[in-house]
Amino acid sequence: MPTTNQYLYRIQPVRPTMLSEGATEEESAVVSQHFRYLKQLADQGVVLLAGRTLMDSYSDFGIVIFIAESDEAAQTVVQNDPAVIKRVMRAELYPYRIAVTGGILRPEH
């Protein structure tokens, strides 16, 4: 069985006012593609958790915690995110380890 490592990538809009002033039609479409991409990875057991802060300001960000077999495979996950490909979001990748879990996480939608 291959070894899997945990990673976190932090994403932020490239255009700082995207959240505070509203997304363009193109940005909205790309964010929808980004959500579908993450949902597909979650369904495959790759993404463990994804979400964002709710401040709607320039400092707002999202995180994706996921598993991959290697640093290169993790980088591929990030580089294949439609929001990163289309430069609507910028991403930073970090090796990560979940230390504590508890409760049941349920998305509101």
N, C-alpha and C. Protein backbone atom coordinates (compact mmCIF):
# COMPACT_ATOMS: atom_id res chain seq x y z
N MET A 1 0.85 -1.19 0.00
CA MET A 1 0.00 0.00 0.00
C MET A 1 0.89 1.24 0.00
N PRO A 2 0.64 2.20 -0.92
CA PRO A 2 1.49 3.38 -0.98
C PRO A 2 1.31 4.28 0.25
N THR A 3 2.38 4.94 0.61
CA THR A 3 2.34 5.89 1.71
C THR A 3 1.67 7.17 1.24
N THR A 4 0.79 7.74 2.07
CA THR A 4 0.19 9.02 1.73
C THR A 4 0.57 10.04 2.78
N ASN A 5 0.80 11.23 2.33
CA ASN A 5 1.15 12.34 3.19
C ASN A 5 0.03 13.36 3.16
N GLN A 6 -0.04 14.17 4.19
CA GLN A 6 -1.04 15.22 4.24
C GLN A 6 -0.43 16.55 3.82
N TYR A 7 -1.26 17.35 3.18
CA TYR A 7 -0.84 18.66 2.70
C TYR A 7 -1.96 19.66 2.93
N LEU A 8 -1.59 20.91 2.95
CA LEU A 8 -2.55 22.00 3.03
C LEU A 8 -2.18 23.00 1.95
N TYR A 9 -3.19 23.45 1.20
CA TYR A 9 -2.90 24.62 0.39
C TYR A 9 -3.85 25.73 0.74
N ARG A 10 -3.24 26.91 0.80
CA ARG A 10 -3.94 28.14 1.16
C ARG A 10 -4.16 28.91 -0.13
N ILE A 11 -5.38 29.33 -0.35
CA ILE A 11 -5.68 30.08 -1.57
C ILE A 11 -6.30 31.43 -1.23
N GLN A 12 -6.00 32.39 -2.08
CA GLN A 12 -6.56 33.74 -1.94
C GLN A 12 -6.85 34.27 -3.33
N PRO A 13 -7.89 35.10 -3.43
CA PRO A 13 -8.17 35.72 -4.72
C PRO A 13 -6.98 36.56 -5.20
N VAL A 14 -6.71 36.52 -6.47
CA VAL A 14 -5.66 37.34 -7.06
C VAL A 14 -6.11 38.81 -7.04
N ARG A 15 -7.37 39.04 -7.35
CA ARG A 15 -7.91 40.41 -7.31
C ARG A 15 -8.42 40.65 -5.90
N PRO A 16 -7.77 41.50 -5.12
CA PRO A 16 -8.11 41.66 -3.70
C PRO A 16 -9.56 42.03 -3.42
N THR A 17 -10.22 42.72 -4.31
CA THR A 17 -11.59 43.16 -4.05
C THR A 17 -12.65 42.18 -4.58
N MET A 18 -12.22 41.01 -5.02
CA MET A 18 -13.17 40.04 -5.57
C MET A 18 -14.27 39.70 -4.57
N LEU A 19 -13.90 39.56 -3.31
CA LEU A 19 -14.89 39.17 -2.30
C LEU A 19 -15.62 40.38 -1.71
N SER A 20 -14.92 41.49 -1.52
CA SER A 20 -15.56 42.65 -0.90
C SER A 20 -16.47 43.40 -1.87
N GLU A 21 -16.10 43.45 -3.14
CA GLU A 21 -16.90 44.18 -4.13
C GLU A 21 -17.71 43.27 -5.04
N GLY A 22 -17.42 42.00 -4.99
CA GLY A 22 -18.14 41.04 -5.82
C GLY A 22 -17.29 40.49 -6.95
N ALA A 23 -17.56 39.25 -7.29
CA ALA A 23 -16.83 38.58 -8.37
C ALA A 23 -17.40 38.98 -9.72
N THR A 24 -16.52 39.00 -10.71
CA THR A 24 -16.98 39.19 -12.08
C THR A 24 -17.68 37.91 -12.53
N GLU A 25 -18.35 37.96 -13.65
CA GLU A 25 -19.01 36.77 -14.20
C GLU A 25 -17.98 35.66 -14.44
N GLU A 26 -16.83 36.04 -14.99
CA GLU A 26 -15.78 35.05 -15.27
C GLU A 26 -15.23 34.46 -13.96
N GLU A 27 -14.98 35.31 -12.96
CA GLU A 27 -14.49 34.80 -11.68
C GLU A 27 -15.50 33.85 -11.04
N SER A 28 -16.77 34.19 -11.11
CA SER A 28 -17.81 33.32 -10.55
C SER A 28 -17.81 31.96 -11.23
N ALA A 29 -17.66 31.96 -12.54
CA ALA A 29 -17.63 30.69 -13.28
C ALA A 29 -16.42 29.86 -12.87
N VAL A 30 -15.27 30.50 -12.71
CA VAL A 30 -14.05 29.79 -12.32
C VAL A 30 -14.18 29.25 -10.89
N VAL A 31 -14.75 30.03 -9.99
CA VAL A 31 -14.94 29.57 -8.61
C VAL A 31 -15.87 28.35 -8.58
N SER A 32 -16.87 28.33 -9.45
CA SER A 32 -17.74 27.15 -9.55
C SER A 32 -16.95 25.92 -10.02
N GLN A 33 -16.07 26.12 -10.99
CA GLN A 33 -15.21 25.03 -11.46
C GLN A 33 -14.29 24.56 -10.33
N HIS A 34 -13.75 25.50 -9.58
CA HIS A 34 -12.88 25.20 -8.44
C HIS A 34 -13.64 24.33 -7.41
N PHE A 35 -14.88 24.72 -7.10
CA PHE A 35 -15.68 23.96 -6.15
C PHE A 35 -15.94 22.54 -6.66
N ARG A 36 -16.29 22.41 -7.94
CA ARG A 36 -16.52 21.07 -8.51
C ARG A 36 -15.25 20.22 -8.47
N TYR A 37 -14.11 20.83 -8.74
CA TYR A 37 -12.83 20.13 -8.68
C TYR A 37 -12.58 19.58 -7.28
N LEU A 38 -12.77 20.44 -6.27
CA LEU A 38 -12.55 19.99 -4.89
C LEU A 38 -13.55 18.93 -4.48
N LYS A 39 -14.80 19.07 -4.90
CA LYS A 39 -15.83 18.07 -4.60
C LYS A 39 -15.46 16.72 -5.22
N GLN A 40 -14.99 16.73 -6.45
CA GLN A 40 -14.58 15.50 -7.12
C GLN A 40 -13.42 14.84 -6.35
N LEU A 41 -12.45 15.65 -5.92
CA LEU A 41 -11.33 15.10 -5.16
C LEU A 41 -11.79 14.57 -3.80
N ALA A 42 -12.76 15.23 -3.19
CA ALA A 42 -13.31 14.74 -1.92
C ALA A 42 -14.01 13.40 -2.14
N ASP A 43 -14.77 13.29 -3.22
CA ASP A 43 -15.46 12.03 -3.54
C ASP A 43 -14.46 10.90 -3.78
N GLN A 44 -13.26 11.24 -4.25
CA GLN A 44 -12.21 10.25 -4.50
C GLN A 44 -11.39 9.95 -3.25
N GLY A 45 -11.67 10.65 -2.14
CA GLY A 45 -10.93 10.43 -0.91
C GLY A 45 -9.63 11.19 -0.81
N VAL A 46 -9.40 12.13 -1.72
CA VAL A 46 -8.16 12.91 -1.72
C VAL A 46 -8.29 14.12 -0.80
N VAL A 47 -9.33 14.91 -1.00
CA VAL A 47 -9.56 16.09 -0.16
C VAL A 47 -10.23 15.65 1.13
N LEU A 48 -9.65 16.05 2.25
CA LEU A 48 -10.20 15.74 3.56
C LEU A 48 -11.09 16.86 4.07
N LEU A 49 -10.73 18.09 3.73
CA LEU A 49 -11.46 19.26 4.22
C LEU A 49 -11.14 20.44 3.32
N ALA A 50 -12.12 21.24 3.02
CA ALA A 50 -11.91 22.47 2.25
C ALA A 50 -12.91 23.51 2.74
N GLY A 51 -12.48 24.74 2.80
CA GLY A 51 -13.37 25.81 3.22
C GLY A 51 -12.65 27.14 3.16
N ARG A 52 -13.37 28.19 3.59
CA ARG A 52 -12.79 29.53 3.54
C ARG A 52 -13.26 30.35 4.72
N THR A 53 -12.50 31.40 4.98
CA THR A 53 -12.91 32.36 5.99
C THR A 53 -14.05 33.19 5.41
N LEU A 54 -14.81 33.83 6.26
CA LEU A 54 -16.03 34.52 5.81
C LEU A 54 -16.00 36.02 6.09
N MET A 55 -14.86 36.62 5.88
CA MET A 55 -14.72 38.05 6.15
C MET A 55 -15.04 38.91 4.94
N ASP A 56 -14.97 38.36 3.74
CA ASP A 56 -15.18 39.09 2.50
C ASP A 56 -14.32 40.34 2.41
N SER A 57 -13.05 40.17 2.75
CA SER A 57 -12.11 41.28 2.67
C SER A 57 -10.83 40.80 1.98
N TYR A 58 -9.89 41.71 1.81
CA TYR A 58 -8.63 41.37 1.15
C TYR A 58 -7.86 40.29 1.88
N SER A 59 -8.10 40.12 3.19
CA SER A 59 -7.36 39.13 3.96
C SER A 59 -8.05 37.76 4.00
N ASP A 60 -9.19 37.62 3.35
CA ASP A 60 -9.92 36.36 3.32
C ASP A 60 -9.08 35.30 2.60
N PHE A 61 -9.22 34.04 3.00
CA PHE A 61 -8.49 32.95 2.35
C PHE A 61 -9.24 31.65 2.52
N GLY A 62 -8.87 30.69 1.71
CA GLY A 62 -9.41 29.35 1.82
C GLY A 62 -8.29 28.37 2.10
N ILE A 63 -8.67 27.20 2.61
CA ILE A 63 -7.69 26.13 2.80
C ILE A 63 -8.27 24.83 2.25
N VAL A 64 -7.37 24.01 1.79
CA VAL A 64 -7.70 22.67 1.34
C VAL A 64 -6.71 21.74 2.02
N ILE A 65 -7.21 20.79 2.79
CA ILE A 65 -6.36 19.77 3.41
C ILE A 65 -6.60 18.48 2.64
N PHE A 66 -5.53 17.86 2.18
CA PHE A 66 -5.67 16.69 1.31
C PHE A 66 -4.50 15.74 1.49
N ILE A 67 -4.63 14.57 0.88
CA ILE A 67 -3.56 13.58 0.92
C ILE A 67 -3.00 13.37 -0.47
N ALA A 68 -1.72 13.04 -0.52
CA ALA A 68 -1.04 12.74 -1.78
C ALA A 68 0.13 11.81 -1.47
N GLU A 69 0.56 11.09 -2.47
CA GLU A 69 1.65 10.13 -2.29
C GLU A 69 3.02 10.78 -2.19
N SER A 70 3.16 11.99 -2.74
CA SER A 70 4.47 12.65 -2.75
C SER A 70 4.29 14.16 -2.87
N ASP A 71 5.39 14.87 -2.66
CA ASP A 71 5.35 16.32 -2.83
C ASP A 71 4.98 16.69 -4.26
N GLU A 72 5.48 15.93 -5.21
CA GLU A 72 5.18 16.20 -6.62
C GLU A 72 3.70 15.98 -6.91
N ALA A 73 3.13 14.90 -6.37
CA ALA A 73 1.71 14.64 -6.56
C ALA A 73 0.87 15.73 -5.90
N ALA A 74 1.30 16.22 -4.74
CA ALA A 74 0.58 17.31 -4.07
C ALA A 74 0.63 18.57 -4.91
N GLN A 75 1.78 18.87 -5.47
CA GLN A 75 1.91 20.06 -6.33
C GLN A 75 0.99 19.94 -7.53
N THR A 76 0.83 18.74 -8.06
CA THR A 76 -0.07 18.52 -9.20
C THR A 76 -1.51 18.82 -8.82
N VAL A 77 -1.92 18.41 -7.62
CA VAL A 77 -3.28 18.71 -7.16
C VAL A 77 -3.52 20.22 -7.18
N VAL A 78 -2.58 20.96 -6.64
CA VAL A 78 -2.72 22.42 -6.59
C VAL A 78 -2.71 23.01 -8.00
N GLN A 79 -1.76 22.58 -8.82
CA GLN A 79 -1.63 23.14 -10.17
C GLN A 79 -2.82 22.81 -11.07
N ASN A 80 -3.58 21.75 -10.74
CA ASN A 80 -4.75 21.38 -11.54
C ASN A 80 -6.04 22.04 -11.08
N ASP A 81 -5.97 22.83 -10.03
CA ASP A 81 -7.15 23.55 -9.54
C ASP A 81 -7.51 24.62 -10.58
N PRO A 82 -8.73 24.60 -11.09
CA PRO A 82 -9.12 25.58 -12.11
C PRO A 82 -8.91 27.03 -11.68
N ALA A 83 -9.10 27.34 -10.42
CA ALA A 83 -8.92 28.71 -9.94
C ALA A 83 -7.45 29.13 -10.00
N VAL A 84 -6.55 28.17 -9.83
CA VAL A 84 -5.12 28.44 -9.93
C VAL A 84 -4.71 28.52 -11.40
N ILE A 85 -5.18 27.56 -12.20
CA ILE A 85 -4.86 27.55 -13.64
C ILE A 85 -5.28 28.87 -14.28
N LYS A 86 -6.47 29.33 -13.96
CA LYS A 86 -7.02 30.54 -14.61
C LYS A 86 -6.67 31.82 -13.86
N ARG A 87 -5.79 31.70 -12.87
CA ARG A 87 -5.24 32.83 -12.12
C ARG A 87 -6.30 33.70 -11.44
N VAL A 88 -7.38 33.06 -11.01
CA VAL A 88 -8.37 33.75 -10.19
C VAL A 88 -7.92 33.68 -8.73
N MET A 89 -7.21 32.61 -8.37
CA MET A 89 -6.68 32.44 -7.02
C MET A 89 -5.20 32.12 -7.11
N ARG A 90 -4.49 32.55 -6.10
CA ARG A 90 -3.08 32.15 -5.96
C ARG A 90 -3.03 31.13 -4.82
N ALA A 91 -2.09 30.22 -4.89
CA ALA A 91 -2.04 29.13 -3.92
C ALA A 91 -0.64 28.96 -3.36
N GLU A 92 -0.59 28.57 -2.09
CA GLU A 92 0.66 28.22 -1.43
C GLU A 92 0.47 26.83 -0.84
N LEU A 93 1.41 25.93 -1.11
CA LEU A 93 1.33 24.54 -0.67
C LEU A 93 2.26 24.32 0.52
N TYR A 94 1.74 23.58 1.52
CA TYR A 94 2.52 23.27 2.73
C TYR A 94 2.37 21.79 3.07
N PRO A 95 3.46 21.13 3.46
CA PRO A 95 3.30 19.81 4.08
C PRO A 95 2.51 20.03 5.37
N TYR A 96 1.69 19.09 5.75
CA TYR A 96 0.78 19.30 6.87
C TYR A 96 0.54 17.99 7.58
N ARG A 97 0.18 18.06 8.85
CA ARG A 97 -0.22 16.86 9.57
C ARG A 97 -1.37 17.21 10.50
N ILE A 98 -2.47 16.53 10.33
CA ILE A 98 -3.60 16.71 11.24
C ILE A 98 -3.21 16.06 12.56
N ALA A 99 -3.31 16.83 13.64
CA ALA A 99 -2.92 16.32 14.96
C ALA A 99 -4.11 15.94 15.82
N VAL A 100 -5.21 16.65 15.69
CA VAL A 100 -6.38 16.41 16.52
C VAL A 100 -7.62 16.55 15.65
N THR A 101 -8.55 15.64 15.80
CA THR A 101 -9.85 15.76 15.16
C THR A 101 -10.91 15.50 16.21
N GLY A 102 -12.07 15.99 15.97
CA GLY A 102 -13.16 15.76 16.91
C GLY A 102 -14.46 16.28 16.33
N GLY A 103 -15.56 15.75 16.82
CA GLY A 103 -16.85 16.18 16.35
C GLY A 103 -17.12 15.73 14.93
N ILE A 104 -18.23 16.17 14.43
CA ILE A 104 -18.61 15.82 13.07
C ILE A 104 -18.68 17.11 12.26
N LEU A 105 -17.92 17.16 11.18
CA LEU A 105 -17.91 18.33 10.31
C LEU A 105 -18.95 18.11 9.21
N ARG A 106 -19.90 18.99 9.14
CA ARG A 106 -20.93 18.91 8.11
C ARG A 106 -21.07 20.25 7.42
N PRO A 107 -20.91 20.27 6.09
CA PRO A 107 -21.10 21.54 5.40
C PRO A 107 -22.55 21.97 5.48
N GLU A 108 -22.78 23.28 5.45
CA GLU A 108 -24.14 23.81 5.54
C GLU A 108 -24.89 23.70 4.24
N HIS A 109 -24.23 23.46 3.10
CA HIS A 109 -24.95 23.30 1.83
C HIS A 109 -24.60 22.02 1.17
